[in-house]
Amino acid sequence: MSLRNATIDVRRATSQIGSVSPVISIRHLSKTYARGQTALRDVSLDIRRGEIFALLGPNGAGKTTLINIVCGIVTPSAGRVEADGHDIIRAYRAARSLIGLVPQELTIGFHESVLATVSFSRGLFGKAPDPAYVEKLLRDLSLWDRRNSQIMTLSGGMKRRVMIAKALSHEPQILFLDEPTAGVDVELRRDMWQLVRKLRAAGTTIILTTHYLEEAEEMADRVGVINKGELILLEDKKTLMRQLGKKRLTLVLGVPLAEIPARLGAHPLTLSADRRELVYAYGGNGAEANIAQLLADIAEAGVVVKDLRTDESSLEDIFVNLIRRGP
């Protein structure tokens, strides 16, 4: 699947989602800052209700700008965004009340207690006090024992948990997680993804950006890749892995080969530099069905194989290859 085809898939996927009511609808969104820097170029995207959507891209690609526009923090230069049918500019309050945001940077009052901070954030959205809900939220994030602690006394990981609690305080339908696990400990990452699964099971739509691509590979339903302000790929994760992923069968030879035998010329084989391995690449090209014939031809060619192993590309491999090609 070429990058050109991937771009076509972006347009096709966007048009096909029209039959399913999206919880976020982005149309022809662009942003150029005062100094002339273009952060987004004609981005159109629908986020499905109840999905986990991973937005990937290198630093400066436009991910945070896109999130900040949807959350009402940055004004777009062109285009339209709706949150569950509410225009984010004309119906700002209605749209914003549906959205929770965990930004990259810590933005909390350091002299306030955890409980006061989360309760106050809930009130900002016009929600009536609900001590039982706030308690459950803090317990889910392992913050209840620190509820009376000043935020300034907390560790970096605990402060990140408070940010998540603030974002969830008003029970949003949509949750943005902008690099939520960057620089945090393994325990917090594990707790956070357990919470994400619970939220999705309860119907919350989750949009995340992450540099830990194994997290996106494990958690996401769909993946969008943005580079230089353009959405260059939009696809279901499983389909993406099948179409752009590559698999390899490595045959460890009992006797080194000087060259690949002519009898095996019909197979897409490469010989390793040390002449001790034959590598057969397949995946998405129909070559998987030819493995049995390959093994039979190897045996008839008298090639001695003492071991074999398989491996396949990860979402990280696909992402890196797409970014290298550029939009």
Protein backbone atom coordinates (compact mmCIF):
# COMPACT_ATOMS: atom_id res chain seq x y z
CA MET A 1 0.00 0.00 0.00
CA SER A 2 1.64 3.22 -1.14
CA LEU A 3 1.48 6.55 0.63
CA ARG A 4 -0.61 7.85 -2.27
CA ASN A 5 -3.13 5.07 -1.70
CA ALA A 6 -3.03 5.78 2.03
CA THR A 7 -3.98 9.40 1.35
CA ILE A 8 -6.85 8.25 -0.85
CA ASP A 9 -7.95 6.03 2.04
CA VAL A 10 -8.15 9.12 4.25
CA ARG A 11 -10.71 10.66 1.90
CA ARG A 12 -12.63 7.43 1.43
CA ALA A 13 -12.71 6.64 5.15
CA THR A 14 -13.92 10.16 5.96
CA SER A 15 -16.75 9.97 3.41
CA GLN A 16 -17.85 6.49 4.44
CA ILE A 17 -18.25 7.40 8.11
CA GLY A 18 -21.16 9.66 7.17
CA SER A 19 -23.55 6.73 7.70
CA VAL A 20 -22.50 6.54 11.36
CA SER A 21 -23.15 9.56 13.55
CA PRO A 22 -19.68 10.75 14.66
CA VAL A 23 -19.16 12.22 18.11
CA ILE A 24 -16.57 14.62 16.64
CA SER A 25 -16.77 15.91 13.07
CA ILE A 26 -13.84 17.91 11.65
CA ARG A 27 -14.14 19.43 8.19
CA HIS A 28 -11.44 21.23 6.18
CA LEU A 29 -9.64 22.43 9.30
CA SER A 30 -6.61 24.69 8.84
CA LYS A 31 -4.52 26.78 11.19
CA THR A 32 -1.87 29.35 10.33
CA TYR A 33 -0.34 31.30 13.20
CA ALA A 34 0.42 35.03 13.12
CA ARG A 35 4.06 34.51 12.19
CA GLY A 36 3.05 32.53 9.11
CA GLN A 37 3.60 29.04 10.50
CA THR A 38 1.02 26.63 9.13
CA ALA A 39 0.19 23.98 11.72
CA LEU A 40 -2.79 22.31 10.00
CA ARG A 41 -3.70 22.00 6.32
CA ASP A 42 -7.27 21.09 5.30
CA VAL A 43 -7.78 18.27 7.82
CA SER A 44 -11.07 16.36 7.69
CA LEU A 45 -11.74 13.63 10.20
CA ASP A 46 -14.64 11.93 11.99
CA ILE A 47 -14.22 10.33 15.41
CA ARG A 48 -16.64 7.50 16.05
CA ARG A 49 -18.68 7.41 19.22
CA GLY A 50 -17.18 5.07 21.83
CA GLU A 51 -13.90 4.33 20.04
CA ILE A 52 -10.30 4.75 21.11
CA PHE A 53 -8.62 6.79 18.40
CA ALA A 54 -4.83 7.21 18.32
CA LEU A 55 -3.49 10.33 16.61
CA LEU A 56 0.17 9.80 15.76
CA GLY A 57 2.83 12.04 14.32
CA PRO A 58 6.30 13.46 15.02
CA ASN A 59 6.90 16.53 17.17
CA GLY A 60 5.51 19.62 15.45
CA ALA A 61 3.21 17.62 13.18
CA GLY A 62 0.06 19.45 14.36
CA LYS A 63 -1.39 16.96 16.86
CA THR A 64 -1.62 19.34 19.80
CA THR A 65 -2.92 22.17 17.61
CA LEU A 66 -5.71 19.90 16.38
CA ILE A 67 -6.63 18.89 19.93
CA ASN A 68 -6.51 22.49 21.17
CA ILE A 69 -8.85 23.63 18.39
CA VAL A 70 -11.40 20.92 19.19
CA CYS A 71 -11.17 21.81 22.89
CA GLY A 72 -11.69 25.51 22.19
CA ILE A 73 -8.23 26.64 23.26
CA VAL A 74 -7.02 27.67 19.79
CA THR A 75 -9.12 29.38 17.10
CA PRO A 76 -8.94 27.77 13.64
CA SER A 77 -8.05 29.80 10.55
CA ALA A 78 -10.55 27.85 8.46
CA GLY A 79 -12.87 24.89 8.75
CA ARG A 80 -15.56 23.62 11.07
CA VAL A 81 -15.61 21.33 14.11
CA GLU A 82 -18.65 19.84 15.85
CA ALA A 83 -18.77 17.90 19.12
CA ASP A 84 -21.86 15.69 19.17
CA GLY A 85 -23.57 18.13 16.79
CA HIS A 86 -22.53 21.30 18.65
CA ASP A 87 -20.34 23.76 16.74
CA ILE A 88 -17.29 24.40 18.91
CA ILE A 89 -17.41 28.14 18.21
CA ARG A 90 -21.10 29.01 17.94
CA ALA A 91 -22.14 26.60 20.72
CA TYR A 92 -18.94 26.70 22.75
CA ARG A 93 -20.41 25.93 26.18
CA ALA A 94 -22.44 22.95 24.99
CA ALA A 95 -19.50 21.54 23.03
CA ARG A 96 -16.91 22.11 25.75
CA SER A 97 -19.09 20.51 28.44
CA LEU A 98 -18.84 17.23 26.52
CA ILE A 99 -15.03 17.24 26.44
CA GLY A 100 -12.34 16.42 28.98
CA LEU A 101 -8.70 17.28 28.24
CA VAL A 102 -5.50 16.00 29.80
CA PRO A 103 -2.83 18.30 28.30
CA GLN A 104 0.88 17.59 28.07
CA GLU A 105 1.80 20.31 30.55
CA LEU A 106 0.82 20.33 34.23
CA THR A 107 -1.66 23.16 34.76
CA ILE A 108 -2.86 22.91 38.34
CA GLY A 109 -2.81 25.10 41.44
CA PHE A 110 0.05 23.82 43.56
CA HIS A 111 -1.23 25.14 46.91
CA GLU A 112 -4.67 23.53 46.70
CA SER A 113 -5.59 20.07 47.91
CA VAL A 114 -6.32 17.25 45.51
CA LEU A 115 -9.96 17.02 46.57
CA ALA A 116 -10.55 20.77 46.32
CA THR A 117 -8.94 20.95 42.88
CA VAL A 118 -11.04 18.15 41.40
CA SER A 119 -14.27 19.34 43.04
CA PHE A 120 -13.68 22.91 41.83
CA SER A 121 -13.05 21.71 38.28
CA ARG A 122 -16.39 19.88 38.33
CA GLY A 123 -18.12 23.08 39.41
CA LEU A 124 -16.57 25.06 36.58
CA PHE A 125 -18.66 23.04 34.15
CA GLY A 126 -21.86 23.73 36.05
CA LYS A 127 -22.10 20.25 37.50
CA ALA A 128 -23.78 19.88 40.88
CA PRO A 129 -21.56 18.60 43.70
CA ASP A 130 -21.33 14.81 43.76
CA PRO A 131 -18.97 13.67 46.53
CA ALA A 132 -19.61 10.00 45.78
CA TYR A 133 -18.56 10.38 42.13
CA VAL A 134 -15.46 12.39 43.03
CA GLU A 135 -14.48 9.82 45.65
CA LYS A 136 -14.83 6.96 43.16
CA LEU A 137 -12.79 8.89 40.61
CA LEU A 138 -9.99 9.55 43.08
CA ARG A 139 -10.02 5.93 44.22
CA ASP A 140 -9.81 4.69 40.62
CA LEU A 141 -6.71 6.87 40.18
CA SER A 142 -5.15 5.84 43.52
CA LEU A 143 -5.52 9.41 44.79
CA TRP A 144 -8.03 9.00 47.60
CA ASP A 145 -5.39 8.54 50.31
CA ARG A 146 -3.81 11.82 49.14
CA ARG A 147 -7.07 13.75 48.80
CA ASN A 148 -6.14 16.30 51.48
CA SER A 149 -2.52 16.72 50.31
CA GLN A 150 -1.41 19.93 48.67
CA ILE A 151 -0.60 19.29 45.02
CA MET A 152 2.85 20.83 45.48
CA THR A 153 3.77 17.89 47.74
CA LEU A 154 2.93 15.24 45.15
CA SER A 155 5.29 13.39 42.85
CA GLY A 156 5.20 14.03 39.10
CA GLY A 157 3.21 10.86 38.54
CA MET A 158 0.65 11.80 41.19
CA LYS A 159 0.28 15.27 39.66
CA ARG A 160 -0.46 13.61 36.33
CA ARG A 161 -3.17 11.55 38.03
CA VAL A 162 -4.71 14.77 39.36
CA MET A 163 -4.78 16.16 35.81
CA ILE A 164 -6.70 13.10 34.67
CA ALA A 165 -9.12 13.44 37.61
CA LYS A 166 -9.72 17.10 36.71
CA ALA A 167 -10.44 16.16 33.09
CA LEU A 168 -12.96 13.53 34.20
CA SER A 169 -14.53 15.57 37.01
CA HIS A 170 -17.51 16.72 34.91
CA GLU A 171 -18.18 13.25 33.44
CA PRO A 172 -17.36 14.10 29.82
CA GLN A 173 -18.45 11.96 26.87
CA ILE A 174 -15.18 12.66 25.05
CA LEU A 175 -11.70 12.49 26.59
CA PHE A 176 -8.52 13.83 24.98
CA LEU A 177 -5.24 12.46 26.28
CA ASP A 178 -2.32 14.45 24.87
CA GLU A 179 0.86 12.46 25.54
CA PRO A 180 -0.62 11.31 28.88
CA THR A 181 2.17 8.88 29.80
CA ALA A 182 5.17 10.92 28.68
CA GLY A 183 7.75 10.85 31.46
CA VAL A 184 5.64 8.92 33.96
CA ASP A 185 6.40 5.67 35.74
CA VAL A 186 5.36 2.22 34.58
CA GLU A 187 2.80 1.87 37.38
CA LEU A 188 0.95 5.01 36.32
CA ARG A 189 0.97 3.93 32.69
CA ARG A 190 -0.58 0.59 33.69
CA ASP A 191 -3.20 2.24 35.92
CA MET A 192 -4.04 4.77 33.23
CA TRP A 193 -4.69 2.19 30.54
CA GLN A 194 -6.84 0.17 32.92
CA LEU A 195 -8.87 3.33 33.47
CA VAL A 196 -9.05 3.99 29.71
CA ARG A 197 -10.49 0.52 29.16
CA LYS A 198 -13.10 1.12 31.86
CA LEU A 199 -14.05 4.47 30.36
CA ARG A 200 -14.39 3.04 26.87
CA ALA A 201 -16.51 0.18 28.25
CA ALA A 202 -18.78 2.83 29.80
CA GLY A 203 -19.16 4.57 26.42
CA THR A 204 -16.56 7.34 26.63
CA THR A 205 -14.85 8.25 23.37
CA ILE A 206 -11.09 8.55 23.82
CA ILE A 207 -8.61 10.34 21.56
CA LEU A 208 -4.97 9.99 22.48
CA THR A 209 -1.61 11.07 21.19
CA THR A 210 1.40 9.09 22.33
CA HIS A 211 5.05 8.47 21.55
CA TYR A 212 4.72 4.98 23.03
CA LEU A 213 3.48 3.33 19.87
CA GLU A 214 3.10 -0.04 21.54
CA GLU A 215 0.33 1.57 23.59
CA ALA A 216 -1.49 2.72 20.48
CA GLU A 217 -1.01 -0.71 18.95
CA GLU A 218 -2.53 -2.38 22.00
CA MET A 219 -5.29 0.11 22.82
CA ALA A 220 -6.52 1.88 19.69
CA ASP A 221 -9.41 0.89 17.45
CA ARG A 222 -8.32 3.29 14.70
CA VAL A 223 -5.15 5.18 13.88
CA GLY A 224 -4.61 8.53 12.20
CA VAL A 225 -1.16 9.72 11.19
CA ILE A 226 -0.51 13.44 10.83
CA ASN A 227 2.67 14.94 9.40
CA LYS A 228 3.49 18.57 8.59
CA GLY A 229 -0.10 19.54 9.34
CA GLU A 230 -1.67 17.04 6.95
CA LEU A 231 -3.57 13.87 7.78
CA ILE A 232 -1.70 11.33 5.68
CA LEU A 233 -3.39 8.14 6.84
CA LEU A 234 -6.63 7.14 8.55
CA GLU A 235 -7.40 3.48 9.01
CA ASP A 236 -8.70 0.79 11.36
CA LYS A 237 -5.72 -0.52 13.26
CA LYS A 238 -6.18 -4.14 12.26
CA THR A 239 -6.59 -3.21 8.61
CA LEU A 240 -3.53 -0.97 8.80
CA MET A 241 -1.42 -3.74 10.27
CA ARG A 242 -2.61 -6.13 7.58
CA GLN A 243 -2.14 -3.76 4.64
CA LEU A 244 1.09 -2.00 5.60
CA GLY A 245 2.63 -4.52 7.95
CA LYS A 246 5.30 -6.88 6.71
CA LYS A 247 6.12 -10.39 7.84
CA ARG A 248 9.39 -12.23 7.43
CA LEU A 249 10.29 -15.88 7.48
CA THR A 250 13.99 -16.33 8.24
CA LEU A 251 15.55 -19.67 7.37
CA VAL A 252 18.75 -20.38 9.29
CA LEU A 253 21.01 -22.45 7.05
CA GLY A 254 22.98 -25.48 8.14
CA VAL A 255 25.56 -24.75 5.43
CA PRO A 256 26.30 -21.22 4.15
CA LEU A 257 25.33 -20.46 0.56
CA ALA A 258 27.51 -18.64 -1.93
CA GLU A 259 24.34 -17.48 -3.72
CA ILE A 260 20.63 -18.24 -3.90
CA PRO A 261 20.09 -21.37 -6.04
CA ALA A 262 18.51 -20.69 -9.44
CA ARG A 263 15.72 -23.12 -8.56
CA LEU A 264 14.56 -20.64 -5.89
CA GLY A 265 14.60 -17.65 -8.20
CA ALA A 266 10.81 -17.46 -8.37
CA HIS A 267 10.59 -16.65 -4.66
CA PRO A 268 11.29 -13.18 -3.16
CA LEU A 269 14.30 -14.31 -1.14
CA THR A 270 17.32 -12.39 0.09
CA LEU A 271 20.58 -13.86 1.38
CA SER A 272 22.06 -12.37 4.53
CA ALA A 273 25.51 -10.77 4.45
CA ASP A 274 27.07 -13.71 6.30
CA ARG A 275 25.41 -16.14 3.84
CA ARG A 276 23.86 -18.10 6.72
CA GLU A 277 20.23 -16.98 6.43
CA LEU A 278 17.60 -16.81 3.72
CA VAL A 279 14.89 -14.20 4.35
CA TYR A 280 11.45 -14.46 2.77
CA ALA A 281 9.32 -11.29 3.01
CA TYR A 282 5.55 -11.55 2.75
CA GLY A 283 2.34 -9.97 4.01
CA GLY A 284 -0.33 -8.12 2.06
CA ASN A 285 1.00 -9.40 -1.27
CA GLY A 286 -0.37 -12.94 -1.39
CA ALA A 287 3.06 -14.44 -0.78
CA GLU A 288 1.98 -16.10 2.47
CA ALA A 289 0.15 -18.78 0.49
CA ASN A 290 3.43 -19.72 -1.25
CA ILE A 291 5.35 -20.70 1.89
CA ALA A 292 4.57 -24.40 1.51
CA GLN A 293 5.84 -24.33 -2.08
CA LEU A 294 8.93 -22.40 -0.98
CA LEU A 295 9.81 -25.02 1.62
CA ALA A 296 9.30 -27.81 -0.91
CA ASP A 297 11.53 -26.04 -3.45
CA ILE A 298 14.21 -25.47 -0.80
CA ALA A 299 14.25 -29.17 0.01
CA GLU A 300 14.48 -30.13 -3.68
CA ALA A 301 17.32 -27.64 -4.15
CA GLY A 302 19.30 -29.46 -1.44
CA VAL A 303 19.50 -26.43 0.85
CA VAL A 304 20.01 -27.51 4.45
CA VAL A 305 17.82 -25.59 6.91
CA LYS A 306 18.53 -26.09 10.62
CA ASP A 307 16.06 -23.58 12.05
CA LEU A 308 13.49 -20.98 11.09
CA ARG A 309 11.78 -18.04 12.74
CA THR A 310 9.10 -15.51 11.88
CA ASP A 311 8.65 -11.87 12.82
CA GLU A 312 6.41 -9.03 11.69
CA SER A 313 6.51 -5.26 11.61
CA SER A 314 4.93 -3.30 14.42
CA LEU A 315 2.83 -0.15 14.32
CA GLU A 316 6.06 1.70 15.08
CA ASP A 317 7.69 0.32 11.94
CA ILE A 318 4.70 1.39 9.84
CA PHE A 319 4.65 4.83 11.43
CA VAL A 320 8.36 5.44 10.87
CA ASN A 321 8.12 4.38 7.21
CA LEU A 322 5.15 6.68 6.58
CA ILE A 323 6.85 9.67 8.18
CA ARG A 324 10.03 9.09 6.17
CA ARG A 325 8.02 9.30 2.96
CA GLY A 326 6.30 12.51 4.04
CA PRO A 327 2.92 13.87 2.92
